N, C-alpha and C. Protein backbone atom coordinates (compact mmCIF):
# COMPACT_ATOMS: atom_id res chain seq x y z
N MET A 1 -58.98 102.32 118.55
CA MET A 1 -57.98 102.80 118.69
C MET A 1 -58.20 104.35 119.33
N ASN A 2 -57.19 104.50 120.33
CA ASN A 2 -57.93 106.01 120.70
C ASN A 2 -56.84 107.21 120.75
N GLU A 3 -56.63 108.00 120.90
CA GLU A 3 -55.85 109.21 120.79
C GLU A 3 -54.26 108.96 121.49
N ALA A 4 -54.25 108.42 122.50
CA ALA A 4 -53.16 107.83 122.98
C ALA A 4 -52.43 106.81 122.16
N GLU A 5 -53.17 105.69 121.73
CA GLU A 5 -52.54 104.87 120.94
C GLU A 5 -51.67 105.48 119.52
N ILE A 6 -52.95 106.46 119.05
CA ILE A 6 -52.39 106.96 117.78
C ILE A 6 -50.90 107.92 117.93
N LEU A 7 -50.73 108.60 119.05
CA LEU A 7 -49.87 109.59 119.40
C LEU A 7 -48.49 108.56 119.57
N GLY A 8 -49.12 107.38 120.34
CA GLY A 8 -47.63 106.49 120.43
C GLY A 8 -47.28 105.85 119.14
N ILE A 9 -48.16 105.77 118.42
CA ILE A 9 -47.26 104.99 116.78
C ILE A 9 -46.69 106.22 116.20
N LEU A 10 -47.33 107.19 116.15
CA LEU A 10 -46.68 108.53 115.43
C LEU A 10 -45.10 108.94 116.38
N LYS A 11 -45.30 108.63 117.74
CA LYS A 11 -43.99 109.02 118.07
C LYS A 11 -42.66 107.88 117.84
N GLU A 12 -43.13 106.67 117.82
CA GLU A 12 -42.56 105.43 117.19
C GLU A 12 -42.03 105.43 115.88
N PHE A 13 -42.80 105.88 114.89
CA PHE A 13 -42.67 106.41 113.71
C PHE A 13 -41.39 107.55 113.56
N LEU A 14 -41.58 108.61 113.93
CA LEU A 14 -40.93 109.71 113.99
C LEU A 14 -39.15 109.34 114.72
N TRP A 15 -39.66 108.43 115.80
CA TRP A 15 -38.14 108.41 116.41
C TRP A 15 -37.37 107.26 115.40
N GLY A 16 -38.08 106.36 114.66
CA GLY A 16 -37.64 105.52 113.45
C GLY A 16 -36.99 106.41 112.60
N ALA A 17 -37.85 107.82 111.93
CA ALA A 17 -37.25 108.46 110.85
C ALA A 17 -35.62 109.09 111.41
N ALA A 18 -35.69 109.61 112.59
CA ALA A 18 -34.76 109.97 113.22
C ALA A 18 -33.48 109.06 113.39
N LEU A 19 -33.71 108.04 113.83
CA LEU A 19 -32.84 106.81 113.58
C LEU A 19 -32.32 106.67 112.41
N ILE A 20 -33.27 106.52 111.26
CA ILE A 20 -32.57 106.46 109.90
C ILE A 20 -32.07 107.48 109.46
N SER A 21 -32.08 108.72 109.54
CA SER A 21 -31.51 109.70 108.98
C SER A 21 -30.11 110.07 109.79
N MET A 22 -30.08 109.61 111.14
CA MET A 22 -28.86 110.09 111.95
C MET A 22 -27.65 109.77 111.46
N PRO A 23 -27.32 108.80 110.56
CA PRO A 23 -25.97 108.66 109.89
C PRO A 23 -25.38 109.14 108.66
N LEU A 24 -26.55 109.49 108.01
CA LEU A 24 -26.16 110.84 107.00
C LEU A 24 -26.07 112.16 107.43
N LEU A 25 -26.70 112.32 108.38
CA LEU A 25 -26.67 113.65 108.91
C LEU A 25 -25.63 113.92 109.64
N ALA A 26 -25.09 112.74 110.26
CA ALA A 26 -24.04 113.05 111.41
C ALA A 26 -22.74 113.54 109.83
N THR A 27 -22.63 112.02 109.21
CA THR A 27 -21.81 112.33 108.12
C THR A 27 -21.59 113.68 107.63
N ALA A 28 -22.53 114.27 106.92
CA ALA A 28 -22.73 115.42 106.59
C ALA A 28 -22.08 116.69 107.10
N LEU A 29 -22.62 116.65 108.50
CA LEU A 29 -21.86 117.58 109.61
C LEU A 29 -20.49 117.17 109.63
N PHE A 30 -19.94 116.15 110.10
CA PHE A 30 -18.35 116.01 109.96
C PHE A 30 -17.65 116.22 109.18
N VAL A 31 -18.21 116.12 107.39
CA VAL A 31 -17.40 116.30 106.56
C VAL A 31 -17.45 117.90 105.89
N GLY A 32 -18.60 118.29 106.48
CA GLY A 32 -18.81 119.64 106.19
C GLY A 32 -17.93 120.48 107.01
N LEU A 33 -17.70 120.10 108.24
CA LEU A 33 -16.95 120.99 109.36
C LEU A 33 -15.51 120.60 108.66
N ILE A 34 -14.72 119.74 108.31
CA ILE A 34 -13.66 119.43 108.04
C ILE A 34 -12.91 120.22 106.47
N VAL A 35 -14.33 120.06 105.63
CA VAL A 35 -14.17 120.73 104.49
C VAL A 35 -13.84 122.42 104.92
N GLY A 36 -14.81 122.80 105.79
CA GLY A 36 -14.97 124.16 106.32
C GLY A 36 -13.37 124.65 106.96
N LEU A 37 -13.19 123.65 107.39
CA LEU A 37 -11.59 124.24 108.67
C LEU A 37 -10.54 124.42 107.13
N LEU A 38 -10.54 123.34 106.41
CA LEU A 38 -9.61 123.34 105.02
C LEU A 38 -9.63 124.32 104.53
N GLN A 39 -11.22 124.89 104.00
CA GLN A 39 -11.11 126.23 103.15
C GLN A 39 -10.47 127.17 104.05
N ALA A 40 -10.75 127.03 105.14
CA ALA A 40 -10.65 128.53 105.92
C ALA A 40 -9.08 128.71 106.21
N LEU A 41 -8.40 127.19 106.36
CA LEU A 41 -6.83 127.64 106.53
C LEU A 41 -6.21 127.50 105.14
N THR A 42 -7.00 127.27 104.08
CA THR A 42 -5.88 127.80 102.59
C THR A 42 -6.84 128.50 102.00
N SER A 43 -7.90 129.15 102.33
CA SER A 43 -8.38 130.31 101.71
C SER A 43 -9.06 130.08 100.35
N ILE A 44 -9.47 128.92 100.17
CA ILE A 44 -10.14 128.41 98.91
C ILE A 44 -11.57 128.52 99.24
N GLN A 45 -12.42 129.21 98.23
CA GLN A 45 -13.56 129.85 98.68
C GLN A 45 -14.73 128.89 97.22
N GLU A 46 -14.16 127.38 96.91
CA GLU A 46 -15.02 126.89 96.04
C GLU A 46 -15.90 126.11 96.32
N MET A 47 -17.41 126.50 95.78
CA MET A 47 -18.49 125.96 96.33
C MET A 47 -18.73 124.27 96.20
N THR A 48 -18.04 124.32 95.07
CA THR A 48 -18.32 122.61 94.59
C THR A 48 -17.29 121.70 95.33
N LEU A 49 -16.09 122.37 96.24
CA LEU A 49 -15.36 121.51 97.49
C LEU A 49 -16.06 121.37 98.22
N THR A 50 -17.05 122.03 98.81
CA THR A 50 -17.79 121.48 99.65
C THR A 50 -19.01 120.81 99.48
N PHE A 51 -19.63 120.80 98.45
CA PHE A 51 -20.40 119.76 97.79
C PHE A 51 -20.16 118.37 97.50
N VAL A 52 -19.40 118.06 96.92
CA VAL A 52 -18.79 116.71 96.45
C VAL A 52 -18.32 115.94 97.27
N PRO A 53 -17.22 116.53 98.28
CA PRO A 53 -16.91 115.32 99.16
C PRO A 53 -17.94 115.00 100.22
N LYS A 54 -18.95 115.96 100.44
CA LYS A 54 -19.67 115.95 101.46
C LYS A 54 -21.01 114.55 100.73
N LEU A 55 -21.22 114.83 99.15
CA LEU A 55 -22.03 113.92 98.53
C LEU A 55 -21.43 112.49 98.65
N GLY A 56 -20.00 112.42 98.18
CA GLY A 56 -19.19 111.10 98.29
C GLY A 56 -19.72 110.57 99.64
N ALA A 57 -19.04 111.20 100.55
CA ALA A 57 -19.32 110.49 101.80
C ALA A 57 -20.63 110.05 102.22
N MET A 58 -21.59 111.13 101.74
CA MET A 58 -23.36 110.44 102.54
C MET A 58 -23.58 109.31 101.49
N LEU A 59 -22.97 109.55 99.91
CA LEU A 59 -23.19 107.83 99.55
C LEU A 59 -22.81 106.69 99.84
N LEU A 60 -21.09 106.77 100.35
CA LEU A 60 -20.79 105.67 101.26
C LEU A 60 -21.49 105.21 102.37
N VAL A 61 -21.98 106.47 103.00
CA VAL A 61 -22.59 105.95 104.83
C VAL A 61 -23.76 105.44 104.46
N PHE A 62 -24.62 105.99 103.05
CA PHE A 62 -25.59 105.21 102.99
C PHE A 62 -25.64 103.92 102.40
N PHE A 63 -24.48 103.48 101.56
CA PHE A 63 -24.57 101.94 101.55
C PHE A 63 -24.04 100.98 102.53
N ILE A 64 -23.22 101.87 103.29
CA ILE A 64 -22.66 100.93 104.50
C ILE A 64 -24.12 100.58 105.33
N SER A 65 -24.61 101.73 105.53
CA SER A 65 -25.93 101.61 106.89
C SER A 65 -27.24 101.18 106.23
N ALA A 66 -27.30 101.06 104.78
CA ALA A 66 -28.67 100.70 104.32
C ALA A 66 -29.16 99.38 104.78
N GLY A 67 -28.43 98.42 105.56
CA GLY A 67 -28.74 97.57 106.26
C GLY A 67 -29.99 97.67 107.66
N TYR A 68 -29.14 98.82 108.32
CA TYR A 68 -29.41 99.32 109.57
C TYR A 68 -30.97 100.09 109.30
N MET A 69 -30.84 100.71 108.24
CA MET A 69 -31.97 101.56 107.92
C MET A 69 -33.52 100.73 107.62
N ALA A 70 -32.70 99.60 106.89
CA ALA A 70 -33.98 98.68 106.43
C ALA A 70 -34.50 98.27 107.63
N ARG A 71 -33.57 97.58 108.33
CA ARG A 71 -33.80 96.80 109.58
C ARG A 71 -34.86 97.71 110.63
N ILE A 72 -34.74 98.68 110.65
CA ILE A 72 -35.59 99.72 111.42
C ILE A 72 -36.83 99.90 110.52
N CYS A 73 -37.23 99.71 109.30
CA CYS A 73 -38.25 100.21 108.72
C CYS A 73 -39.20 98.80 108.55
N VAL A 74 -38.49 97.62 108.57
CA VAL A 74 -39.11 96.34 108.62
C VAL A 74 -39.56 96.29 109.88
N ASP A 75 -38.80 96.50 111.23
CA ASP A 75 -39.20 96.26 112.56
C ASP A 75 -40.51 97.31 112.45
N LEU A 76 -40.67 98.43 112.23
CA LEU A 76 -41.60 99.35 112.45
C LEU A 76 -43.05 98.88 111.73
N PHE A 77 -42.77 98.44 110.45
CA PHE A 77 -43.63 97.72 109.61
C PHE A 77 -44.16 96.43 109.97
N ASP A 78 -43.41 95.62 110.84
CA ASP A 78 -43.77 94.54 111.56
C ASP A 78 -44.69 94.83 112.55
N ARG A 79 -44.11 95.53 113.16
CA ARG A 79 -44.96 95.95 114.58
C ARG A 79 -46.48 96.53 114.69
N TYR A 80 -46.49 97.66 113.55
CA TYR A 80 -47.34 98.03 113.53
C TYR A 80 -48.57 98.06 112.46
N VAL A 81 -48.11 97.63 111.05
CA VAL A 81 -48.67 97.94 109.78
C VAL A 81 -49.30 96.38 109.64
N ILE A 82 -48.76 95.42 109.92
CA ILE A 82 -48.82 94.02 109.58
C ILE A 82 -50.01 93.67 110.48
N PRO A 83 -50.15 93.77 111.82
CA PRO A 83 -51.46 93.52 112.53
C PRO A 83 -52.38 94.46 112.63
N ALA A 84 -52.25 95.76 111.95
CA ALA A 84 -53.51 96.49 111.53
C ALA A 84 -54.36 96.11 110.30
N ILE A 85 -53.43 95.20 109.45
CA ILE A 85 -53.70 94.94 108.40
C ILE A 85 -54.56 93.53 108.59
N ILE A 86 -54.15 92.73 109.35
CA ILE A 86 -54.64 91.16 109.57
C ILE A 86 -55.52 91.38 110.65
N GLY A 87 -55.79 92.29 111.47
CA GLY A 87 -56.87 92.39 112.61
C GLY A 87 -57.71 93.51 112.94
């Protein structure tokens, strides 16, 4: 295995990590934006008001997208780890 193959594998795993984290990060961004707008409109500056809805939305999205995340992990594992163990 040469440097190019190792860098290619690393690129695939980093891309997989980005795809796995994307639903959670997008949810945190969207909910944070909405809560921030509501806080600006109502002049309420409570820290827990931003934390609790964001946490709840991220947990909901995590449970909805857990199958998608697991599929990416299994695909990467099947493509790179199993052949390295077998041969």
